[in-house]
Amino acid sequence: MVKLHSTWALLLLTLTLSTSASDTRWHPYPEHLPQFDYQGDKLKQAWPQLTRATFIDYPSADNLQAEAQRYPQLMAYARQQAQQADAHPALKAALAGNYQPLADAVAEVWRLHFEGQFEKAYTLGSRLGPSGFIPALYSRLMHTALLEPDPDRRLTVYREISKMSQELLPRAPDHAFAVFGLAYAHARELELLSTSAATATDYLGQTRDTLEAMKQQYPERALYPAMLGGLHAGVVERVGSFIGRVTYGSTESGALEEFNQALALESELPVILHEYATALARLDDEDYAREIRQVLQLCTQLTVYSAEEALNQQACQNKLSPLLTSED
């Protein structure tokens, strides 16, 4: 049994959330990209389409109450936050047994995220206890990965989010979306580190094992093999297939097999295609030049349904444009 942290630990995390949010350089979602409106009932109606990659349950009152019952330590954590002077009314209502205001507030966090209002999503979610922390951290992750151009700033944010996630996860160690969020932050951090620094973190083995376990537990979810394939491709890029296989179990063929699995599950998501094109370039941008162009072209032709998808599609376009120019 993981021992609950004191109120001071909760206060420290809350302060970390608010402080790191204010320190973040929040780049606005570009006006030239598709704009989205998920006000009112539109969010719930579009939910299956919006969550094809993540499989997140819609934040209904029943689902949040079931989550609280499943993770009593999270509930205790939320109770401590609700006692703070500036606690959100929806959090207080949930602890009194009425989960509908919290459900509405968490749904609003997701609405803001899917519409590209990442800062507002983070700010609101950070006030809603664990039910809000998790989408808040995810929104910040996506903003950083897709809109922050400075690698040093990206690295700082990934490390901050890893720290926050590690604070929450002992209270819900099998919460799939929270577990994936930490694995994603670690994977992105590894990409920004030198080979020696990446090896020193021990994140590679942890992240690989986490994604392998999640892939086995949720075989219908394409995002897990796609991230695992990208991880293997990154290893091969740095040390080659032979050392990669001996040391980390990573090979070129293994990376491609992971993406074959992902694409068999979901072949029309910008994030999957973007990750695939990136992995192919890491493996060998010359040998896979034609495949890379084809994948990127397909990505740019998809209909997108959220700001996150549109930003992944823009990333595909940014990689495709110089390839097309070089052909002229």
C-alpha atoms as a PDB file:
ATOM      1  CA  MET A   1       0.000   0.000   0.000  1.00  0.00           C
ATOM      2  CA  VAL A   2       1.421   3.386  -0.997  1.00  0.00           C
ATOM      3  CA  LYS A   3       1.344   5.780   1.941  1.00  0.00           C
ATOM      4  CA  LEU A   4      -0.675   8.925   1.321  1.00  0.00           C
ATOM      5  CA  HIS A   5       1.286  12.128   1.174  1.00  0.00           C
ATOM      6  CA  SER A   6       0.503  14.892   3.621  1.00  0.00           C
ATOM      7  CA  THR A   7      -1.457  18.040   2.897  1.00  0.00           C
ATOM      8  CA  TRP A   8       1.876  19.772   2.458  1.00  0.00           C
ATOM      9  CA  ALA A   9       2.755  17.415  -0.374  1.00  0.00           C
ATOM     10  CA  LEU A  10      -0.551  18.167  -2.046  1.00  0.00           C
ATOM     11  CA  LEU A  11       0.001  21.893  -1.611  1.00  0.00           C
ATOM     12  CA  LEU A  12       3.455  21.546  -3.148  1.00  0.00           C
ATOM     13  CA  LEU A  13       2.052  19.769  -6.198  1.00  0.00           C
ATOM     14  CA  THR A  14      -0.720  22.341  -6.566  1.00  0.00           C
ATOM     15  CA  LEU A  15       1.831  25.152  -6.395  1.00  0.00           C
ATOM     16  CA  THR A  16       4.006  23.323  -8.932  1.00  0.00           C
ATOM     17  CA  LEU A  17       1.069  23.063 -11.312  1.00  0.00           C
ATOM     18  CA  SER A  18       0.166  26.740 -11.045  1.00  0.00           C
ATOM     19  CA  THR A  19       3.752  27.990 -11.135  1.00  0.00           C
ATOM     20  CA  SER A  20       4.790  25.866 -14.095  1.00  0.00           C
ATOM     21  CA  ALA A  21       1.684  26.983 -15.963  1.00  0.00           C
ATOM     22  CA  SER A  22       2.617  30.630 -15.505  1.00  0.00           C
ATOM     23  CA  ASP A  23       6.206  29.908 -16.594  1.00  0.00           C
ATOM     24  CA  THR A  24       5.099  28.187 -19.786  1.00  0.00           C
ATOM     25  CA  ARG A  25       5.268  30.099 -23.027  1.00  0.00           C
ATOM     26  CA  TRP A  26       1.804  29.309 -24.328  1.00  0.00           C
ATOM     27  CA  HIS A  27       1.861  29.577 -28.104  1.00  0.00           C
ATOM     28  CA  PRO A  28      -1.627  30.149 -29.532  1.00  0.00           C
ATOM     29  CA  TYR A  29      -3.238  27.645 -31.824  1.00  0.00           C
ATOM     30  CA  PRO A  30      -2.632  29.002 -35.358  1.00  0.00           C
ATOM     31  CA  GLU A  31      -5.529  30.897 -36.928  1.00  0.00           C
ATOM     32  CA  HIS A  32      -4.765  29.504 -40.396  1.00  0.00           C
ATOM     33  CA  LEU A  33      -5.467  25.946 -39.278  1.00  0.00           C
ATOM     34  CA  PRO A  34      -8.990  24.468 -39.102  1.00  0.00           C
ATOM     35  CA  GLN A  35     -11.047  25.869 -36.250  1.00  0.00           C
ATOM     36  CA  PHE A  36     -13.262  23.675 -34.080  1.00  0.00           C
ATOM     37  CA  ASP A  37     -16.415  24.217 -32.053  1.00  0.00           C
ATOM     38  CA  TYR A  38     -17.436  21.632 -29.481  1.00  0.00           C
ATOM     39  CA  GLN A  39     -19.798  23.723 -27.406  1.00  0.00           C
ATOM     40  CA  GLY A  40     -22.815  22.137 -25.770  1.00  0.00           C
ATOM     41  CA  ASP A  41     -23.774  18.656 -26.923  1.00  0.00           C
ATOM     42  CA  LYS A  42     -21.263  18.714 -29.795  1.00  0.00           C
ATOM     43  CA  LEU A  43     -18.460  17.402 -27.599  1.00  0.00           C
ATOM     44  CA  LYS A  44     -20.311  14.295 -26.455  1.00  0.00           C
ATOM     45  CA  GLN A  45     -21.583  13.587 -29.964  1.00  0.00           C
ATOM     46  CA  ALA A  46     -18.060  13.795 -31.405  1.00  0.00           C
ATOM     47  CA  TRP A  47     -16.384  11.974 -28.509  1.00  0.00           C
ATOM     48  CA  PRO A  48     -15.888   8.587 -30.249  1.00  0.00           C
ATOM     49  CA  GLN A  49     -14.210  10.342 -33.188  1.00  0.00           C
ATOM     50  CA  LEU A  50     -12.106  12.593 -30.968  1.00  0.00           C
ATOM     51  CA  THR A  51     -10.787   9.727 -28.847  1.00  0.00           C
ATOM     52  CA  ARG A  52      -9.915   7.180 -31.536  1.00  0.00           C
ATOM     53  CA  ALA A  53      -6.271   7.380 -30.437  1.00  0.00           C
ATOM     54  CA  THR A  54      -6.669   7.622 -26.662  1.00  0.00           C
ATOM     55  CA  PHE A  55      -9.856   5.645 -25.864  1.00  0.00           C
ATOM     56  CA  ILE A  56     -10.633   7.997 -22.968  1.00  0.00           C
ATOM     57  CA  ASP A  57     -14.029   7.513 -21.354  1.00  0.00           C
ATOM     58  CA  TYR A  58     -16.376  10.459 -21.629  1.00  0.00           C
ATOM     59  CA  PRO A  59     -16.288  12.381 -18.300  1.00  0.00           C
ATOM     60  CA  SER A  60     -19.875  11.686 -17.236  1.00  0.00           C
ATOM     61  CA  ALA A  61     -20.899  11.898 -13.608  1.00  0.00           C
ATOM     62  CA  ASP A  62     -21.214   8.095 -13.454  1.00  0.00           C
ATOM     63  CA  ASN A  63     -17.756   7.561 -14.942  1.00  0.00           C
ATOM     64  CA  LEU A  64     -16.095  10.018 -12.558  1.00  0.00           C
ATOM     65  CA  GLN A  65     -17.857   8.494  -9.559  1.00  0.00           C
ATOM     66  CA  ALA A  66     -16.770   5.008 -10.655  1.00  0.00           C
ATOM     67  CA  GLU A  67     -13.209   6.287 -11.010  1.00  0.00           C
ATOM     68  CA  ALA A  68     -13.307   7.744  -7.504  1.00  0.00           C
ATOM     69  CA  GLN A  69     -14.506   4.411  -6.116  1.00  0.00           C
ATOM     70  CA  ARG A  70     -11.839   2.510  -8.043  1.00  0.00           C
ATOM     71  CA  TYR A  71      -9.042   4.770  -6.848  1.00  0.00           C
ATOM     72  CA  PRO A  72      -9.725   5.703  -3.203  1.00  0.00           C
ATOM     73  CA  GLN A  73      -6.286   7.247  -2.824  1.00  0.00           C
ATOM     74  CA  LEU A  74      -7.112   9.671  -5.624  1.00  0.00           C
ATOM     75  CA  MET A  75     -10.316  10.482  -3.789  1.00  0.00           C
ATOM     76  CA  ALA A  76      -8.363  11.243  -0.629  1.00  0.00           C
ATOM     77  CA  TYR A  77      -6.043  13.403  -2.716  1.00  0.00           C
ATOM     78  CA  ALA A  78      -9.021  15.281  -4.167  1.00  0.00           C
ATOM     79  CA  ARG A  79     -10.498  15.724  -0.704  1.00  0.00           C
ATOM     80  CA  GLN A  80      -7.316  17.426   0.462  1.00  0.00           C
ATOM     81  CA  GLN A  81      -7.349  19.785  -2.510  1.00  0.00           C
ATOM     82  CA  ALA A  82     -11.035  20.573  -1.947  1.00  0.00           C
ATOM     83  CA  GLN A  83     -10.131  21.879   1.502  1.00  0.00           C
ATOM     84  CA  GLN A  84      -7.948  24.610   0.012  1.00  0.00           C
ATOM     85  CA  ALA A  85      -9.370  28.127   0.157  1.00  0.00           C
ATOM     86  CA  ASP A  86      -9.535  28.509  -3.628  1.00  0.00           C
ATOM     87  CA  ALA A  87     -10.894  25.020  -4.361  1.00  0.00           C
ATOM     88  CA  HIS A  88     -13.146  24.792  -7.405  1.00  0.00           C
ATOM     89  CA  PRO A  89     -16.859  24.496  -6.501  1.00  0.00           C
ATOM     90  CA  ALA A  90     -17.227  21.449  -8.751  1.00  0.00           C
ATOM     91  CA  LEU A  91     -14.591  19.601  -6.737  1.00  0.00           C
ATOM     92  CA  LYS A  92     -16.384  20.398  -3.486  1.00  0.00           C
ATOM     93  CA  ALA A  93     -19.691  19.238  -4.954  1.00  0.00           C
ATOM     94  CA  ALA A  94     -18.180  15.890  -5.991  1.00  0.00           C
ATOM     95  CA  LEU A  95     -16.891  15.254  -2.503  1.00  0.00           C
ATOM     96  CA  ALA A  96     -20.420  15.914  -1.244  1.00  0.00           C
ATOM     97  CA  GLY A  97     -21.691  13.207  -3.591  1.00  0.00           C
ATOM     98  CA  ASN A  98     -22.766  15.315  -6.593  1.00  0.00           C
ATOM     99  CA  TYR A  99     -20.443  14.514  -9.497  1.00  0.00           C
ATOM    100  CA  GLN A 100     -22.344  16.340 -12.233  1.00  0.00           C
ATOM    101  CA  PRO A 101     -20.636  19.750 -11.772  1.00  0.00           C
ATOM    102  CA  LEU A 102     -17.225  18.038 -11.848  1.00  0.00           C
ATOM    103  CA  ALA A 103     -18.216  16.083 -14.951  1.00  0.00           C
ATOM    104  CA  ASP A 104     -19.258  19.311 -16.665  1.00  0.00           C
ATOM    105  CA  ALA A 105     -15.994  21.009 -15.663  1.00  0.00           C
ATOM    106  CA  VAL A 106     -13.783  18.127 -16.840  1.00  0.00           C
ATOM    107  CA  ALA A 107     -15.727  17.997 -20.106  1.00  0.00           C
ATOM    108  CA  GLU A 108     -14.960  21.700 -20.459  1.00  0.00           C
ATOM    109  CA  VAL A 109     -11.237  20.944 -20.040  1.00  0.00           C
ATOM    110  CA  TRP A 110     -11.460  18.497 -22.924  1.00  0.00           C
ATOM    111  CA  ARG A 111     -13.512  20.898 -25.031  1.00  0.00           C
ATOM    112  CA  LEU A 112     -10.860  23.579 -24.587  1.00  0.00           C
ATOM    113  CA  HIS A 113      -8.139  21.081 -25.464  1.00  0.00           C
ATOM    114  CA  PHE A 114      -9.810  19.823 -28.636  1.00  0.00           C
ATOM    115  CA  GLU A 115     -10.486  23.387 -29.749  1.00  0.00           C
ATOM    116  CA  GLY A 116      -6.824  24.325 -29.263  1.00  0.00           C
ATOM    117  CA  GLN A 117      -7.219  26.471 -26.141  1.00  0.00           C
ATOM    118  CA  PHE A 118      -4.440  24.618 -24.354  1.00  0.00           C
ATOM    119  CA  GLU A 119      -3.584  27.186 -21.702  1.00  0.00           C
ATOM    120  CA  LYS A 120      -7.213  27.485 -20.606  1.00  0.00           C
ATOM    121  CA  ALA A 121      -7.523  23.691 -20.528  1.00  0.00           C
ATOM    122  CA  TYR A 122      -4.451  23.420 -18.325  1.00  0.00           C
ATOM    123  CA  THR A 123      -5.506  26.206 -15.992  1.00  0.00           C
ATOM    124  CA  LEU A 124      -9.002  24.829 -15.453  1.00  0.00           C
ATOM    125  CA  GLY A 125      -7.933  21.204 -15.195  1.00  0.00           C
ATOM    126  CA  SER A 126      -5.320  21.951 -12.550  1.00  0.00           C
ATOM    127  CA  ARG A 127      -8.116  23.124 -10.221  1.00  0.00           C
ATOM    128  CA  LEU A 128     -10.263  19.997 -10.533  1.00  0.00           C
ATOM    129  CA  GLY A 129      -8.324  17.422  -8.549  1.00  0.00           C
ATOM    130  CA  PRO A 130      -6.983  14.252 -10.185  1.00  0.00           C
ATOM    131  CA  SER A 131      -9.921  14.089 -12.624  1.00  0.00           C
ATOM    132  CA  GLY A 132      -8.755  17.418 -14.010  1.00  0.00           C
ATOM    133  CA  PHE A 133      -4.994  17.067 -13.462  1.00  0.00           C
ATOM    134  CA  ILE A 134      -4.721  14.214 -15.948  1.00  0.00           C
ATOM    135  CA  PRO A 135      -6.295  15.977 -18.971  1.00  0.00           C
ATOM    136  CA  ALA A 136      -4.545  19.211 -17.916  1.00  0.00           C
ATOM    137  CA  LEU A 137      -1.143  17.542 -18.070  1.00  0.00           C
ATOM    138  CA  TYR A 138      -2.028  15.880 -21.363  1.00  0.00           C
ATOM    139  CA  SER A 139      -3.036  19.209 -22.874  1.00  0.00           C
ATOM    140  CA  ARG A 140       0.240  20.725 -21.795  1.00  0.00           C
ATOM    141  CA  LEU A 141       2.119  17.764 -23.243  1.00  0.00           C
ATOM    142  CA  MET A 142       0.448  18.170 -26.621  1.00  0.00           C
ATOM    143  CA  HIS A 143       0.967  21.935 -26.634  1.00  0.00           C
ATOM    144  CA  THR A 144       4.659  21.401 -25.938  1.00  0.00           C
ATOM    145  CA  ALA A 145       5.138  18.620 -28.474  1.00  0.00           C
ATOM    146  CA  LEU A 146       3.231  20.340 -31.274  1.00  0.00           C
ATOM    147  CA  LEU A 147       3.663  24.082 -30.733  1.00  0.00           C
ATOM    148  CA  GLU A 148       6.870  24.702 -28.758  1.00  0.00           C
ATOM    149  CA  PRO A 149       9.836  25.104 -31.169  1.00  0.00           C
ATOM    150  CA  ASP A 150      12.564  25.509 -28.526  1.00  0.00           C
ATOM    151  CA  PRO A 151      14.044  22.081 -27.622  1.00  0.00           C
ATOM    152  CA  ASP A 152      15.324  23.344 -24.267  1.00  0.00           C
ATOM    153  CA  ARG A 153      11.850  24.522 -23.297  1.00  0.00           C
ATOM    154  CA  ARG A 154      10.356  21.249 -24.476  1.00  0.00           C
ATOM    155  CA  LEU A 155      12.806  19.292 -22.360  1.00  0.00           C
ATOM    156  CA  THR A 156      12.012  21.393 -19.296  1.00  0.00           C
ATOM    157  CA  VAL A 157       8.279  20.851 -19.693  1.00  0.00           C
ATOM    158  CA  TYR A 158       8.624  17.103 -20.273  1.00  0.00           C
ATOM    159  CA  ARG A 159      10.642  16.825 -17.074  1.00  0.00           C
ATOM    160  CA  GLU A 160       8.110  18.856 -15.110  1.00  0.00           C
ATOM    161  CA  ILE A 161       5.225  16.756 -16.369  1.00  0.00           C
ATOM    162  CA  SER A 162       7.100  13.550 -15.598  1.00  0.00           C
ATOM    163  CA  LYS A 163       7.568  14.749 -12.029  1.00  0.00           C
ATOM    164  CA  MET A 164       3.884  15.638 -11.646  1.00  0.00           C
ATOM    165  CA  SER A 165       2.774  12.329 -13.172  1.00  0.00           C
ATOM    166  CA  GLN A 166       5.020  10.375 -10.829  1.00  0.00           C
ATOM    167  CA  GLU A 167       3.379  12.188  -7.926  1.00  0.00           C
ATOM    168  CA  LEU A 168      -0.087  11.092  -9.054  1.00  0.00           C
ATOM    169  CA  LEU A 169       0.488   7.573 -10.383  1.00  0.00           C
ATOM    170  CA  PRO A 170       1.075   5.781  -7.054  1.00  0.00           C
ATOM    171  CA  ARG A 171      -2.548   6.610  -6.277  1.00  0.00           C
ATOM    172  CA  ALA A 172      -3.802   5.026  -9.524  1.00  0.00           C
ATOM    173  CA  PRO A 173      -1.042   2.750 -10.856  1.00  0.00           C
ATOM    174  CA  ASP A 174      -3.287   1.069 -13.443  1.00  0.00           C
ATOM    175  CA  HIS A 175      -4.903   4.244 -14.805  1.00  0.00           C
ATOM    176  CA  ALA A 176      -4.134   3.604 -18.479  1.00  0.00           C
ATOM    177  CA  PHE A 177      -4.259   7.181 -19.705  1.00  0.00           C
ATOM    178  CA  ALA A 178      -2.122   8.507 -16.841  1.00  0.00           C
ATOM    179  CA  VAL A 179       0.401   5.701 -17.324  1.00  0.00           C
ATOM    180  CA  PHE A 180       0.601   6.479 -21.036  1.00  0.00           C
ATOM    181  CA  GLY A 181       1.064  10.184 -20.306  1.00  0.00           C
ATOM    182  CA  LEU A 182       4.190   9.454 -18.261  1.00  0.00           C
ATOM    183  CA  ALA A 183       5.524   7.077 -20.931  1.00  0.00           C
ATOM    184  CA  TYR A 184       4.912   9.727 -23.600  1.00  0.00           C
ATOM    185  CA  ALA A 185       6.730  12.411 -21.577  1.00  0.00           C
ATOM    186  CA  HIS A 186       9.687  10.075 -21.031  1.00  0.00           C
ATOM    187  CA  ALA A 187       9.810   9.107 -24.719  1.00  0.00           C
ATOM    188  CA  ARG A 188       9.853  12.744 -25.805  1.00  0.00           C
ATOM    189  CA  GLU A 189      12.509  13.565 -23.224  1.00  0.00           C
ATOM    190  CA  LEU A 190      14.717  10.744 -24.526  1.00  0.00           C
ATOM    191  CA  GLU A 191      14.508  12.171 -28.052  1.00  0.00           C
ATOM    192  CA  LEU A 192      16.025  15.434 -26.848  1.00  0.00           C
ATOM    193  CA  LEU A 193      18.913  13.941 -24.857  1.00  0.00           C
ATOM    194  CA  SER A 194      22.324  12.818 -26.032  1.00  0.00           C
ATOM    195  CA  THR A 195      22.822   9.053 -26.220  1.00  0.00           C
ATOM    196  CA  SER A 196      24.858   8.990 -22.994  1.00  0.00           C
ATOM    197  CA  ALA A 197      22.366  11.200 -21.145  1.00  0.00           C
ATOM    198  CA  ALA A 198      19.425   9.145 -22.383  1.00  0.00           C
ATOM    199  CA  THR A 199      21.103   5.929 -21.235  1.00  0.00           C
ATOM    200  CA  ALA A 200      21.766   7.410 -17.804  1.00  0.00           C
ATOM    201  CA  THR A 201      18.067   8.131 -17.188  1.00  0.00           C
ATOM    202  CA  ASP A 202      17.011   4.460 -17.430  1.00  0.00           C
ATOM    203  CA  TYR A 203      13.823   5.761 -19.063  1.00  0.00           C
ATOM    204  CA  LEU A 204      14.320   3.713 -22.209  1.00  0.00           C
ATOM    205  CA  GLY A 205      13.802   0.364 -20.531  1.00  0.00           C
ATOM    206  CA  GLN A 206      10.963   1.682 -18.365  1.00  0.00           C
ATOM    207  CA  THR A 207       9.137   3.253 -21.292  1.00  0.00           C
ATOM    208  CA  ARG A 208       9.622   0.226 -23.537  1.00  0.00           C
ATOM    209  CA  ASP A 209       8.284  -2.119 -20.852  1.00  0.00           C
ATOM    210  CA  THR A 210       5.328   0.171 -20.138  1.00  0.00           C
ATOM    211  CA  LEU A 211       4.323   0.392 -23.790  1.00  0.00           C
ATOM    212  CA  GLU A 212       4.766  -3.363 -24.257  1.00  0.00           C
ATOM    213  CA  ALA A 213       2.522  -4.054 -21.282  1.00  0.00           C
ATOM    214  CA  MET A 214      -0.112  -1.575 -22.451  1.00  0.00           C
ATOM    215  CA  LYS A 215      -0.049  -3.016 -25.955  1.00  0.00           C
ATOM    216  CA  GLN A 216      -0.695  -6.469 -24.533  1.00  0.00           C
ATOM    217  CA  GLN A 217      -3.438  -5.245 -22.209  1.00  0.00           C
ATOM    218  CA  TYR A 218      -5.161  -3.085 -24.837  1.00  0.00           C
ATOM    219  CA  PRO A 219      -4.490  -4.771 -28.196  1.00  0.00           C
ATOM    220  CA  GLU A 220      -7.125  -2.649 -29.965  1.00  0.00           C
ATOM    221  CA  ARG A 221      -5.305   0.636 -29.346  1.00  0.00           C
ATOM    222  CA  ALA A 222      -3.020   1.791 -32.148  1.00  0.00           C
ATOM    223  CA  LEU A 223      -1.189   4.476 -30.214  1.00  0.00           C
ATOM    224  CA  TYR A 224       0.792   2.051 -28.063  1.00  0.00           C
ATOM    225  CA  PRO A 225       2.495   0.067 -30.854  1.00  0.00           C
ATOM    226  CA  ALA A 226       3.060   3.321 -32.750  1.00  0.00           C
ATOM    227  CA  MET A 227       4.884   4.889 -29.807  1.00  0.00           C
ATOM    228  CA  LEU A 228       6.801   1.659 -29.247  1.00  0.00           C
ATOM    229  CA  GLY A 229       7.808   1.563 -32.916  1.00  0.00           C
ATOM    230  CA  GLY A 230       9.030   5.137 -32.668  1.00  0.00           C
ATOM    231  CA  LEU A 231      11.044   4.262 -29.571  1.00  0.00           C
ATOM    232  CA  HIS A 232      12.746   1.346 -31.345  1.00  0.00           C
ATOM    233  CA  ALA A 233      13.441   3.513 -34.409  1.00  0.00           C
ATOM    234  CA  GLY A 234      15.104   6.115 -32.210  1.00  0.00           C
ATOM    235  CA  VAL A 235      17.406   3.486 -30.711  1.00  0.00           C
ATOM    236  CA  VAL A 236      18.337   2.110 -34.132  1.00  0.00           C
ATOM    237  CA  GLU A 237      19.065   5.623 -35.388  1.00  0.00           C
ATOM    238  CA  ARG A 238      21.571   6.152 -32.583  1.00  0.00           C
ATOM    239  CA  VAL A 239      23.309   2.788 -32.202  1.00  0.00           C
ATOM    240  CA  GLY A 240      22.227   0.621 -35.159  1.00  0.00           C
ATOM    241  CA  SER A 241      20.175  -2.569 -35.260  1.00  0.00           C
ATOM    242  CA  PHE A 242      22.869  -4.916 -33.935  1.00  0.00           C
ATOM    243  CA  ILE A 243      23.713  -2.996 -30.754  1.00  0.00           C
ATOM    244  CA  GLY A 244      20.103  -1.931 -30.474  1.00  0.00           C
ATOM    245  CA  ARG A 245      18.948  -5.548 -30.518  1.00  0.00           C
ATOM    246  CA  VAL A 246      21.600  -6.810 -28.092  1.00  0.00           C
ATOM    247  CA  THR A 247      21.274  -3.943 -25.639  1.00  0.00           C
ATOM    248  CA  TYR A 248      17.679  -2.758 -25.896  1.00  0.00           C
ATOM    249  CA  GLY A 249      15.796  -5.313 -28.001  1.00  0.00           C
ATOM    250  CA  SER A 250      15.394  -2.712 -30.754  1.00  0.00           C
ATOM    251  CA  THR A 251      15.764  -3.509 -34.458  1.00  0.00           C
ATOM    252  CA  GLU A 252      14.690  -1.922 -37.715  1.00  0.00           C
ATOM    253  CA  SER A 253      12.392  -4.839 -38.499  1.00  0.00           C
ATOM    254  CA  GLY A 254      10.930  -4.674 -35.004  1.00  0.00           C
ATOM    255  CA  ALA A 255      10.160  -0.974 -35.355  1.00  0.00           C
ATOM    256  CA  LEU A 256       8.443  -1.571 -38.693  1.00  0.00           C
ATOM    257  CA  GLU A 257       6.419  -4.465 -37.272  1.00  0.00           C
ATOM    258  CA  GLU A 258       5.101  -2.234 -34.482  1.00  0.00           C
ATOM    259  CA  PHE A 259       3.911   0.297 -37.046  1.00  0.00           C
ATOM    260  CA  ASN A 260       2.351  -2.441 -39.163  1.00  0.00           C
ATOM    261  CA  GLN A 261       0.300  -3.384 -36.110  1.00  0.00           C
ATOM    262  CA  ALA A 262      -0.626   0.231 -35.436  1.00  0.00           C
ATOM    263  CA  LEU A 263      -1.675   0.907 -39.032  1.00  0.00           C
ATOM    264  CA  ALA A 264      -3.719  -2.299 -39.156  1.00  0.00           C
ATOM    265  CA  LEU A 265      -5.697  -0.897 -36.222  1.00  0.00           C
ATOM    266  CA  GLU A 266      -5.906   2.738 -37.325  1.00  0.00           C
ATOM    267  CA  SER A 267      -4.565   3.998 -40.632  1.00  0.00           C
ATOM    268  CA  GLU A 268      -6.283   7.394 -40.792  1.00  0.00           C
ATOM    269  CA  LEU A 269      -5.105   9.253 -37.734  1.00  0.00           C
ATOM    270  CA  PRO A 270      -2.609  12.090 -38.266  1.00  0.00           C
ATOM    271  CA  VAL A 271      -0.677  11.227 -35.100  1.00  0.00           C
ATOM    272  CA  ILE A 272      -0.076   7.635 -36.225  1.00  0.00           C
ATOM    273  CA  LEU A 273       1.035   8.697 -39.710  1.00  0.00           C
ATOM    274  CA  HIS A 274       3.216  11.482 -38.343  1.00  0.00           C
ATOM    275  CA  GLU A 275       4.937   9.084 -35.941  1.00  0.00           C
ATOM    276  CA  TYR A 276       5.393   6.547 -38.751  1.00  0.00           C
ATOM    277  CA  ALA A 277       6.980   9.017 -41.155  1.00  0.00           C
ATOM    278  CA  THR A 278       9.281  10.250 -38.390  1.00  0.00           C
ATOM    279  CA  ALA A 279      10.324   6.693 -37.557  1.00  0.00           C
ATOM    280  CA  LEU A 280      11.035   5.836 -41.199  1.00  0.00           C
ATOM    281  CA  ALA A 281      13.251   8.907 -41.483  1.00  0.00           C
ATOM    282  CA  ARG A 282      15.145   7.840 -38.388  1.00  0.00           C
ATOM    283  CA  LEU A 283      15.683   4.356 -39.744  1.00  0.00           C
ATOM    284  CA  ASP A 284      16.913   5.520 -43.169  1.00  0.00           C
ATOM    285  CA  ASP A 285      15.510   8.610 -44.875  1.00  0.00           C
ATOM    286  CA  GLU A 286      17.065   7.609 -48.214  1.00  0.00           C
ATOM    287  CA  ASP A 287      15.976   3.975 -48.352  1.00  0.00           C
ATOM    288  CA  TYR A 288      12.474   4.882 -47.219  1.00  0.00           C
ATOM    289  CA  ALA A 289      12.194   8.162 -49.146  1.00  0.00           C
ATOM    290  CA  ARG A 290       9.232   7.051 -51.253  1.00  0.00           C
ATOM    291  CA  GLU A 291       7.371   5.554 -48.285  1.00  0.00           C
ATOM    292  CA  ILE A 292       7.956   8.689 -46.244  1.00  0.00           C
ATOM    293  CA  ARG A 293       6.458  10.892 -48.960  1.00  0.00           C
ATOM    294  CA  GLN A 294       3.460   8.589 -49.328  1.00  0.00           C
ATOM    295  CA  VAL A 295       2.766   8.533 -45.604  1.00  0.00           C
ATOM    296  CA  LEU A 296       3.100  12.302 -45.290  1.00  0.00           C
ATOM    297  CA  GLN A 297       0.862  12.903 -48.305  1.00  0.00           C
ATOM    298  CA  LEU A 298      -1.813  10.646 -46.851  1.00  0.00           C
ATOM    299  CA  CYS A 299      -1.542  12.486 -43.540  1.00  0.00           C
ATOM    300  CA  THR A 300      -2.073  15.870 -45.196  1.00  0.00           C
ATOM    301  CA  GLN A 301      -5.198  14.634 -47.010  1.00  0.00           C
ATOM    302  CA  LEU A 302      -7.078  13.411 -43.931  1.00  0.00           C
ATOM    303  CA  THR A 303     -10.094  15.155 -42.458  1.00  0.00           C
ATOM    304  CA  VAL A 304      -9.134  16.411 -38.989  1.00  0.00           C
ATOM    305  CA  TYR A 305     -11.497  16.727 -36.041  1.00  0.00           C
ATOM    306  CA  SER A 306      -9.510  18.556 -33.375  1.00  0.00           C
ATOM    307  CA  ALA A 307      -6.710  21.043 -32.874  1.00  0.00           C
ATOM    308  CA  GLU A 308      -4.433  18.193 -31.836  1.00  0.00           C
ATOM    309  CA  GLU A 309      -5.106  16.367 -35.098  1.00  0.00           C
ATOM    310  CA  ALA A 310      -4.707  19.551 -37.136  1.00  0.00           C
ATOM    311  CA  LEU A 311      -1.329  20.238 -35.524  1.00  0.00           C
ATOM    312  CA  ASN A 312      -0.128  16.714 -36.282  1.00  0.00           C
ATOM    313  CA  GLN A 313      -1.297  17.218 -39.848  1.00  0.00           C
ATOM    314  CA  GLN A 314       0.588  20.515 -40.025  1.00  0.00           C
ATOM    315  CA  ALA A 315       3.712  18.709 -38.815  1.00  0.00           C
ATOM    316  CA  CYS A 316       3.266  16.251 -41.669  1.00  0.00           C
ATOM    317  CA  GLN A 317       2.916  19.115 -44.146  1.00  0.00           C
ATOM    318  CA  ASN A 318       6.038  20.797 -42.771  1.00  0.00           C
ATOM    319  CA  LYS A 319       8.018  17.612 -43.398  1.00  0.00           C
ATOM    320  CA  LEU A 320       6.456  16.975 -46.788  1.00  0.00           C
ATOM    321  CA  SER A 321       7.009  20.432 -48.332  1.00  0.00           C
ATOM    322  CA  PRO A 322      10.828  20.286 -48.576  1.00  0.00           C
ATOM    323  CA  LEU A 323      10.602  16.749 -50.010  1.00  0.00           C
ATOM    324  CA  LEU A 324       8.304  17.943 -52.787  1.00  0.00           C
ATOM    325  CA  THR A 325      10.518  20.943 -53.425  1.00  0.00           C
ATOM    326  CA  SER A 326      13.569  18.725 -53.843  1.00  0.00           C
ATOM    327  CA  GLU A 327      11.749  16.785 -56.561  1.00  0.00           C
ATOM    328  CA  ASP A 328      11.171  19.896 -58.709  1.00  0.00           C
END
